C-alpha cells in the first residue's frame, strides 16, 4: 500500500495552531507550506510524493491513516516537530 501526502512541519505547537487558523480563514495548504514549513518539501507546497506504508515515523503514519483524501489532520507531534498532514 502506497500513500501520497503533503505536510507542513514547524518547530513549535503555537506555530501549528496559527497555521490551522490561517487554513480556516481560507489560505491554501500549499501556500502555507511554502511560507512556514521547515521541511525541504516546502518548495513543492509540502508535497512528500508517494511512499510505502512503514516509511514515515509511527505518529505521522497513524495520523495519515485516519484521514480521507484531501482531509487535513490536527497537530501531530513527532521527534521532528509539529506536523499538519494532508492526505492526497
PDB file of N, CA and C in Angstrom:
ATOM      1  N   UNK A   1       0.844  -1.185   0.000  1.00  0.00           N
ATOM      2  CA  UNK A   1       0.000   0.000   0.000  1.00  0.00           C
ATOM      3  C   UNK A   1       0.885   1.242   0.000  1.00  0.00           C
ATOM      4  N   UNK A   2       0.644   2.136  -0.941  1.00  0.00           N
ATOM      5  CA  UNK A   2       1.367   3.398  -1.011  1.00  0.00           C
ATOM      6  C   UNK A   2       0.459   4.557  -0.648  1.00  0.00           C
ATOM      7  N   UNK A   3       1.066   5.616  -0.146  1.00  0.00           N
ATOM      8  CA  UNK A   3       0.351   6.827   0.254  1.00  0.00           C
ATOM      9  C   UNK A   3       0.907   8.010  -0.499  1.00  0.00           C
ATOM     10  N   UNK A   4       0.087   9.041  -0.617  1.00  0.00           N
ATOM     11  CA  UNK A   4       0.532  10.334  -1.115  1.00  0.00           C
ATOM     12  C   UNK A   4       0.048  11.357  -0.094  1.00  0.00           C
ATOM     13  N   UNK A   5       0.951  12.270   0.259  1.00  0.00           N
ATOM     14  CA  UNK A   5       0.587  13.255   1.263  1.00  0.00           C
ATOM     15  C   UNK A   5       1.422  14.518   1.114  1.00  0.00           C
ATOM     16  N   UNK A   6       0.908  15.569   1.711  1.00  0.00           N
ATOM     17  CA  UNK A   6       1.640  16.824   1.881  1.00  0.00           C
ATOM     18  C   UNK A   6       1.704  17.076   3.370  1.00  0.00           C
ATOM     19  N   UNK A   7       2.696  17.853   3.790  1.00  0.00           N
ATOM     20  CA  UNK A   7       2.719  18.221   5.197  1.00  0.00           C
ATOM     21  C   UNK A   7       3.356  19.583   5.378  1.00  0.00           C
ATOM     22  N   UNK A   8       3.078  20.146   6.525  1.00  0.00           N
ATOM     23  CA  UNK A   8       3.716  21.378   6.982  1.00  0.00           C
ATOM     24  C   UNK A   8       4.388  21.015   8.293  1.00  0.00           C
ATOM     25  N   UNK A   9       5.678  21.293   8.388  1.00  0.00           N
ATOM     26  CA  UNK A   9       6.457  20.977   9.587  1.00  0.00           C
ATOM     27  C   UNK A   9       6.964  22.264  10.204  1.00  0.00           C
ATOM     28  N   UNK A  10       6.675  22.445  11.498  1.00  0.00           N
ATOM     29  CA  UNK A  10       7.170  23.602  12.251  1.00  0.00           C
ATOM     30  C   UNK A  10       7.768  23.123  13.563  1.00  0.00           C
ATOM     31  N   UNK A  11       8.528  23.998  14.212  1.00  0.00           N
ATOM     32  CA  UNK A  11       9.208  23.603  15.443  1.00  0.00           C
ATOM     33  C   UNK A  11       8.329  23.690  16.684  1.00  0.00           C
ATOM     34  N   UNK A  12       7.331  24.581  16.676  1.00  0.00           N
ATOM     35  CA  UNK A  12       6.556  24.841  17.883  1.00  0.00           C
ATOM     36  C   UNK A  12       5.064  24.624  17.667  1.00  0.00           C
ATOM     37  N   UNK A  13       4.399  24.145  18.694  1.00  0.00           N
ATOM     38  CA  UNK A  13       2.963  23.884  18.606  1.00  0.00           C
ATOM     39  C   UNK A  13       2.178  25.156  18.301  1.00  0.00           C
ATOM     40  N   UNK A  14       2.593  26.292  18.894  1.00  0.00           N
ATOM     41  CA  UNK A  14       1.857  27.534  18.645  1.00  0.00           C
ATOM     42  C   UNK A  14       1.901  27.926  17.159  1.00  0.00           C
ATOM     43  N   UNK A  15       2.988  27.572  16.464  1.00  0.00           N
ATOM     44  CA  UNK A  15       3.072  27.841  15.026  1.00  0.00           C
ATOM     45  C   UNK A  15       2.051  26.991  14.270  1.00  0.00           C
ATOM     46  N   UNK A  16       1.943  25.724  14.647  1.00  0.00           N
ATOM     47  CA  UNK A  16       0.978  24.828  14.006  1.00  0.00           C
ATOM     48  C   UNK A  16      -0.451  25.321  14.245  1.00  0.00           C
ATOM     49  N   UNK A  17      -0.734  25.789  15.446  1.00  0.00           N
ATOM     50  CA  UNK A  17      -2.071  26.319  15.750  1.00  0.00           C
ATOM     51  C   UNK A  17      -2.374  27.545  14.894  1.00  0.00           C
ATOM     52  N   UNK A  18      -1.376  28.401  14.719  1.00  0.00           N
ATOM     53  CA  UNK A  18      -1.551  29.597  13.895  1.00  0.00           C
ATOM     54  C   UNK A  18      -1.819  29.211  12.433  1.00  0.00           C
ATOM     55  N   UNK A  19      -1.130  28.198  11.943  1.00  0.00           N
ATOM     56  CA  UNK A  19      -1.335  27.741  10.565  1.00  0.00           C
ATOM     57  C   UNK A  19      -2.732  27.135  10.405  1.00  0.00           C
ATOM     58  N   UNK A  20      -3.209  26.376  11.388  1.00  0.00           N
ATOM     59  CA  UNK A  20      -4.579  25.849  11.341  1.00  0.00           C
ATOM     60  C   UNK A  20      -5.591  26.988  11.251  1.00  0.00           C
ATOM     61  N   UNK A  21      -5.336  28.058  11.997  1.00  0.00           N
ATOM     62  CA  UNK A  21      -6.229  29.224  11.958  1.00  0.00           C
ATOM     63  C   UNK A  21      -6.222  29.828  10.552  1.00  0.00           C
ATOM     64  N   UNK A  22      -5.035  29.973   9.972  1.00  0.00           N
ATOM     65  CA  UNK A  22      -4.933  30.538   8.624  1.00  0.00           C
ATOM     66  C   UNK A  22      -5.644  29.647   7.596  1.00  0.00           C
ATOM     67  N   UNK A  23      -5.565  28.326   7.765  1.00  0.00           N
ATOM     68  CA  UNK A  23      -6.301  27.410   6.887  1.00  0.00           C
ATOM     69  C   UNK A  23      -7.798  27.657   6.991  1.00  0.00           C
ATOM     70  N   UNK A  24      -8.286  27.833   8.212  1.00  0.00           N
ATOM     71  CA  UNK A  24      -9.725  28.047   8.414  1.00  0.00           C
ATOM     72  C   UNK A  24     -10.180  29.388   7.841  1.00  0.00           C
ATOM     73  N   UNK A  25      -9.230  30.304   7.655  1.00  0.00           N
ATOM     74  CA  UNK A  25      -9.544  31.619   7.079  1.00  0.00           C
ATOM     75  C   UNK A  25      -9.455  31.614   5.554  1.00  0.00           C
ATOM     76  N   UNK A  26      -9.105  30.451   4.971  1.00  0.00           N
ATOM     77  CA  UNK A  26      -9.127  30.346   3.522  1.00  0.00           C
ATOM     78  C   UNK A  26      -7.780  30.280   2.821  1.00  0.00           C
ATOM     79  N   UNK A  27      -6.678  30.357   3.553  1.00  0.00           N
ATOM     80  CA  UNK A  27      -5.362  30.197   2.925  1.00  0.00           C
ATOM     81  C   UNK A  27      -5.227  28.751   2.455  1.00  0.00           C
ATOM     82  N   UNK A  28      -4.474  28.521   1.397  1.00  0.00           N
ATOM     83  CA  UNK A  28      -4.312  27.156   0.911  1.00  0.00           C
ATOM     84  C   UNK A  28      -3.199  26.446   1.680  1.00  0.00           C
ATOM     85  N   UNK A  29      -3.329  25.144   1.759  1.00  0.00           N
ATOM     86  CA  UNK A  29      -2.332  24.319   2.435  1.00  0.00           C
ATOM     87  C   UNK A  29      -0.963  24.515   1.775  1.00  0.00           C
ATOM     88  N   UNK A  30      -0.957  24.533   0.458  1.00  0.00           N
ATOM     89  CA  UNK A  30       0.289  24.643  -0.301  1.00  0.00           C
ATOM     90  C   UNK A  30       0.978  25.982  -0.057  1.00  0.00           C
ATOM     91  N   UNK A  31       0.201  27.041  -0.027  1.00  0.00           N
ATOM     92  CA  UNK A  31       0.740  28.378   0.234  1.00  0.00           C
ATOM     93  C   UNK A  31       1.346  28.446   1.636  1.00  0.00           C
ATOM     94  N   UNK A  32       0.658  27.882   2.605  1.00  0.00           N
ATOM     95  CA  UNK A  32       1.150  27.903   3.982  1.00  0.00           C
ATOM     96  C   UNK A  32       2.396  27.031   4.136  1.00  0.00           C
ATOM     97  N   UNK A  33       2.437  25.912   3.416  1.00  0.00           N
ATOM     98  CA  UNK A  33       3.635  25.065   3.450  1.00  0.00           C
ATOM     99  C   UNK A  33       4.835  25.838   2.918  1.00  0.00           C
ATOM    100  N   UNK A  34       4.647  26.534   1.806  1.00  0.00           N
ATOM    101  CA  UNK A  34       5.745  27.310   1.223  1.00  0.00           C
ATOM    102  C   UNK A  34       6.206  28.415   2.163  1.00  0.00           C
ATOM    103  N   UNK A  35       5.272  29.034   2.862  1.00  0.00           N
ATOM    104  CA  UNK A  35       5.602  30.170   3.726  1.00  0.00           C
ATOM    105  C   UNK A  35       6.177  29.774   5.080  1.00  0.00           C
ATOM    106  N   UNK A  36       5.758  28.626   5.634  1.00  0.00           N
ATOM    107  CA  UNK A  36       6.088  28.337   7.028  1.00  0.00           C
ATOM    108  C   UNK A  36       6.811  27.022   7.311  1.00  0.00           C
ATOM    109  N   UNK A  37       6.705  26.035   6.427  1.00  0.00           N
ATOM    110  CA  UNK A  37       7.280  24.724   6.726  1.00  0.00           C
ATOM    111  C   UNK A  37       8.804  24.766   6.709  1.00  0.00           C
ATOM    112  N   UNK A  38       9.416  24.069   7.673  1.00  0.00           N
ATOM    113  CA  UNK A  38      10.882  23.992   7.735  1.00  0.00           C
ATOM    114  C   UNK A  38      11.410  22.757   7.008  1.00  0.00           C
ATOM    115  N   UNK A  39      10.525  21.982   6.410  1.00  0.00           N
ATOM    116  CA  UNK A  39      10.925  20.798   5.646  1.00  0.00           C
ATOM    117  C   UNK A  39      11.307  21.222   4.220  1.00  0.00           C
ATOM    118  N   UNK A  40      12.309  20.566   3.631  1.00  0.00           N
ATOM    119  CA  UNK A  40      12.645  20.871   2.234  1.00  0.00           C
ATOM    120  C   UNK A  40      11.467  20.720   1.268  1.00  0.00           C
ATOM    121  N   UNK A  41      10.476  19.913   1.633  1.00  0.00           N
ATOM    122  CA  UNK A  41       9.295  19.736   0.780  1.00  0.00           C
ATOM    123  C   UNK A  41       8.467  21.021   0.662  1.00  0.00           C
ATOM    124  N   UNK A  42       8.769  22.014   1.472  1.00  0.00           N
ATOM    125  CA  UNK A  42       8.011  23.272   1.430  1.00  0.00           C
ATOM    126  C   UNK A  42       8.049  23.897   0.038  1.00  0.00           C
ATOM    127  N   UNK A  43       9.152  23.719  -0.678  1.00  0.00           N
ATOM    128  CA  UNK A  43       9.285  24.289  -2.026  1.00  0.00           C
ATOM    129  C   UNK A  43       8.255  23.705  -2.985  1.00  0.00           C
ATOM    130  N   UNK A  44       7.763  22.501  -2.698  1.00  0.00           N
ATOM    131  CA  UNK A  44       6.730  21.856  -3.522  1.00  0.00           C
ATOM    132  C   UNK A  44       5.366  21.927  -2.832  1.00  0.00           C
ATOM    133  N   UNK A  45       5.158  22.922  -2.007  1.00  0.00           N
ATOM    134  CA  UNK A  45       3.879  23.055  -1.311  1.00  0.00           C
ATOM    135  C   UNK A  45       3.664  21.972  -0.275  1.00  0.00           C
ATOM    136  N   UNK A  46       4.762  21.406   0.240  1.00  0.00           N
ATOM    137  CA  UNK A  46       4.682  20.370   1.264  1.00  0.00           C
ATOM    138  C   UNK A  46       4.532  18.960   0.714  1.00  0.00           C
ATOM    139  N   UNK A  47       4.583  18.810  -0.606  1.00  0.00           N
ATOM    140  CA  UNK A  47       4.344  17.508  -1.239  1.00  0.00           C
ATOM    141  C   UNK A  47       5.467  16.523  -0.929  1.00  0.00           C
ATOM    142  N   UNK A  48       5.099  15.400  -0.310  1.00  0.00           N
ATOM    143  CA  UNK A  48       6.053  14.345   0.025  1.00  0.00           C
ATOM    144  C   UNK A  48       6.104  13.263  -1.053  1.00  0.00           C
ATOM    145  N   UNK A  49       5.281  13.405  -2.070  1.00  0.00           N
ATOM    146  CA  UNK A  49       5.238  12.398  -3.124  1.00  0.00           C
ATOM    147  C   UNK A  49       4.560  11.127  -2.659  1.00  0.00           C
ATOM    148  N   UNK A  50       4.884  10.040  -3.324  1.00  0.00           N
ATOM    149  CA  UNK A  50       4.307   8.735  -2.993  1.00  0.00           C
ATOM    150  C   UNK A  50       5.312   7.937  -2.182  1.00  0.00           C
ATOM    151  N   UNK A  51       4.820   7.276  -1.148  1.00  0.00           N
ATOM    152  CA  UNK A  51       5.711   6.499  -0.277  1.00  0.00           C
ATOM    153  C   UNK A  51       4.970   5.286   0.270  1.00  0.00           C
ATOM    154  N   UNK A  52       5.710   4.214   0.578  1.00  0.00           N
ATOM    155  CA  UNK A  52       5.074   2.985   1.073  1.00  0.00           C
ATOM    156  C   UNK A  52       4.740   3.061   2.557  1.00  0.00           C
ATOM    157  N   UNK A  53       3.802   2.227   2.958  1.00  0.00           N
ATOM    158  CA  UNK A  53       3.472   2.068   4.377  1.00  0.00           C
ATOM    159  C   UNK A  53       4.744   1.667   5.128  1.00  0.00           C
ATOM    160  N   UNK A  54       4.970   2.287   6.276  1.00  0.00           N
ATOM    161  CA  UNK A  54       6.144   1.976   7.078  1.00  0.00           C
ATOM    162  C   UNK A  54       7.321   2.914   6.854  1.00  0.00           C
ATOM    163  N   UNK A  55       7.221   3.803   5.880  1.00  0.00           N
ATOM    164  CA  UNK A  55       8.339   4.710   5.590  1.00  0.00           C
ATOM    165  C   UNK A  55       8.385   5.887   6.559  1.00  0.00           C
ATOM    166  N   UNK A  56       7.232   6.366   6.989  1.00  0.00           N
ATOM    167  CA  UNK A  56       7.163   7.524   7.885  1.00  0.00           C
ATOM    168  C   UNK A  56       7.191   7.060   9.345  1.00  0.00           C
ATOM    169  N   UNK A  57       7.528   7.998  10.231  1.00  0.00           N
ATOM    170  CA  UNK A  57       7.548   7.662  11.657  1.00  0.00           C
ATOM    171  C   UNK A  57       6.138   7.283  12.103  1.00  0.00           C
ATOM    172  N   UNK A  58       6.013   6.434  13.141  1.00  0.00           N
ATOM    173  CA  UNK A  58       4.701   5.898  13.530  1.00  0.00           C
ATOM    174  C   UNK A  58       3.617   6.943  13.786  1.00  0.00           C
ATOM    175  N   UNK A  59       3.917   8.015  14.489  1.00  0.00           N
ATOM    176  CA  UNK A  59       2.881   9.018  14.796  1.00  0.00           C
ATOM    177  C   UNK A  59       2.350   9.669  13.513  1.00  0.00           C
ATOM    178  N   UNK A  60       3.238   9.926  12.567  1.00  0.00           N
ATOM    179  CA  UNK A  60       2.847  10.523  11.291  1.00  0.00           C
ATOM    180  C   UNK A  60       1.937   9.557  10.531  1.00  0.00           C
ATOM    181  N   UNK A  61       2.370   8.305  10.426  1.00  0.00           N
ATOM    182  CA  UNK A  61       1.604   7.315   9.675  1.00  0.00           C
ATOM    183  C   UNK A  61       0.245   7.038  10.320  1.00  0.00           C
ATOM    184  N   UNK A  62       0.205   6.978  11.633  1.00  0.00           N
ATOM    185  CA  UNK A  62      -1.058   6.739  12.338  1.00  0.00           C
ATOM    186  C   UNK A  62      -2.064   7.849  12.025  1.00  0.00           C
ATOM    187  N   UNK A  63      -1.599   9.095  12.046  1.00  0.00           N
ATOM    188  CA  UNK A  63      -2.482  10.224  11.733  1.00  0.00           C
ATOM    189  C   UNK A  63      -2.920  10.180  10.275  1.00  0.00           C
ATOM    190  N   UNK A  64      -2.001   9.841   9.372  1.00  0.00           N
ATOM    191  CA  UNK A  64      -2.301   9.775   7.954  1.00  0.00           C
ATOM    192  C   UNK A  64      -3.373   8.731   7.660  1.00  0.00           C
ATOM    193  N   UNK A  65      -3.284   7.584   8.321  1.00  0.00           N
ATOM    194  CA  UNK A  65      -4.245   6.502   8.092  1.00  0.00           C
ATOM    195  C   UNK A  65      -5.673   6.890   8.479  1.00  0.00           C
ATOM    196  N   UNK A  66      -5.833   7.844   9.370  1.00  0.00           N
ATOM    197  CA  UNK A  66      -7.159   8.275   9.815  1.00  0.00           C
ATOM    198  C   UNK A  66      -7.806   9.268   8.854  1.00  0.00           C
ATOM    199  N   UNK A  67      -7.025   9.804   7.911  1.00  0.00           N
ATOM    200  CA  UNK A  67      -7.525  10.860   7.029  1.00  0.00           C
ATOM    201  C   UNK A  67      -8.161  10.323   5.765  1.00  0.00           C
ATOM    202  N   UNK A  68      -9.162  11.025   5.301  1.00  0.00           N
ATOM    203  CA  UNK A  68      -9.745  10.791   3.985  1.00  0.00           C
ATOM    204  C   UNK A  68      -8.969  11.638   2.977  1.00  0.00           C
ATOM    205  N   UNK A  69      -9.028  11.301   1.688  1.00  0.00           N
ATOM    206  CA  UNK A  69      -8.347  12.134   0.691  1.00  0.00           C
ATOM    207  C   UNK A  69      -8.745  13.609   0.800  1.00  0.00           C
ATOM    208  N   UNK A  70      -7.743  14.472   0.730  1.00  0.00           N
ATOM    209  CA  UNK A  70      -7.871  15.935   0.819  1.00  0.00           C
ATOM    210  C   UNK A  70      -8.237  16.440   2.205  1.00  0.00           C
ATOM    211  N   UNK A  71      -8.245  15.570   3.189  1.00  0.00           N
ATOM    212  CA  UNK A  71      -8.512  15.977   4.570  1.00  0.00           C
ATOM    213  C   UNK A  71      -7.186  16.352   5.239  1.00  0.00           C
ATOM    214  N   UNK A  72      -7.242  17.360   6.126  1.00  0.00           N
ATOM    215  CA  UNK A  72      -6.061  17.819   6.850  1.00  0.00           C
ATOM    216  C   UNK A  72      -6.159  17.371   8.303  1.00  0.00           C
ATOM    217  N   UNK A  73      -5.055  16.877   8.814  1.00  0.00           N
ATOM    218  CA  UNK A  73      -5.011  16.395  10.204  1.00  0.00           C
ATOM    219  C   UNK A  73      -5.025  17.555  11.187  1.00  0.00           C
ATOM    220  N   UNK A  74      -5.191  17.202  12.441  1.00  0.00           N
ATOM    221  CA  UNK A  74      -4.884  18.121  13.511  1.00  0.00           C
ATOM    222  C   UNK A  74      -3.369  18.137  13.679  1.00  0.00           C
ATOM    223  N   UNK A  75      -2.904  18.702  14.750  1.00  0.00           N
ATOM    224  CA  UNK A  75      -1.466  18.796  15.008  1.00  0.00           C
ATOM    225  C   UNK A  75      -0.928  17.427  15.416  1.00  0.00           C
ATOM    226  N   UNK A  76       0.146  17.001  14.750  1.00  0.00           N
ATOM    227  CA  UNK A  76       0.788  15.710  15.008  1.00  0.00           C
ATOM    228  C   UNK A  76       2.223  15.972  15.450  1.00  0.00           C
ATOM    229  N   UNK A  77       2.558  15.539  16.664  1.00  0.00           N
ATOM    230  CA  UNK A  77       3.906  15.750  17.183  1.00  0.00           C
ATOM    231  C   UNK A  77       4.767  14.521  16.902  1.00  0.00           C
ATOM    232  N   UNK A  78       5.964  14.764  16.355  1.00  0.00           N
ATOM    233  CA  UNK A  78       6.962  13.706  16.169  1.00  0.00           C
ATOM    234  C   UNK A  78       8.298  14.247  16.677  1.00  0.00           C
ATOM    235  N   UNK A  79       9.322  13.430  16.566  1.00  0.00           N
ATOM    236  CA  UNK A  79      10.644  13.874  17.001  1.00  0.00           C
ATOM    237  C   UNK A  79      11.189  15.002  16.121  1.00  0.00           C
ATOM    238  N   UNK A  80      10.552  15.251  14.966  1.00  0.00           N
ATOM    239  CA  UNK A  80      10.996  16.300  14.058  1.00  0.00           C
ATOM    240  C   UNK A  80      10.351  17.646  14.336  1.00  0.00           C
ATOM    241  N   UNK A  81       9.226  17.631  15.039  1.00  0.00           N
ATOM    242  CA  UNK A  81       8.494  18.862  15.326  1.00  0.00           C
ATOM    243  C   UNK A  81       7.002  18.598  15.266  1.00  0.00           C
ATOM    244  N   UNK A  82       6.269  19.601  14.815  1.00  0.00           N
ATOM    245  CA  UNK A  82       4.807  19.539  14.760  1.00  0.00           C
ATOM    246  C   UNK A  82       4.368  19.587  13.296  1.00  0.00           C
ATOM    247  N   UNK A  83       3.553  18.612  12.917  1.00  0.00           N
ATOM    248  CA  UNK A  83       3.106  18.469  11.532  1.00  0.00           C
ATOM    249  C   UNK A  83       1.626  18.752  11.400  1.00  0.00           C
ATOM    250  N   UNK A  84       1.263  19.275  10.250  1.00  0.00           N
ATOM    251  CA  UNK A  84      -0.101  19.247   9.736  1.00  0.00           C
ATOM    252  C   UNK A  84      -0.001  18.420   8.462  1.00  0.00           C
ATOM    253  N   UNK A  85      -0.845  17.435   8.330  1.00  0.00           N
ATOM    254  CA  UNK A  85      -0.731  16.465   7.236  1.00  0.00           C
ATOM    255  C   UNK A  85      -1.993  16.531   6.381  1.00  0.00           C
ATOM    256  N   UNK A  86      -1.796  16.538   5.081  1.00  0.00           N
ATOM    257  CA  UNK A  86      -2.906  16.492   4.133  1.00  0.00           C
ATOM    258  C   UNK A  86      -2.747  15.234   3.297  1.00  0.00           C
ATOM    259  N   UNK A  87      -3.722  14.334   3.400  1.00  0.00           N
ATOM    260  CA  UNK A  87      -3.683  13.117   2.586  1.00  0.00           C
ATOM    261  C   UNK A  87      -4.167  13.420   1.177  1.00  0.00           C
ATOM    262  N   UNK A  88      -3.470  12.874   0.214  1.00  0.00           N
ATOM    263  CA  UNK A  88      -3.853  13.078  -1.188  1.00  0.00           C
ATOM    264  C   UNK A  88      -4.500  11.832  -1.767  1.00  0.00           C
TER     265      UNK A  88
END
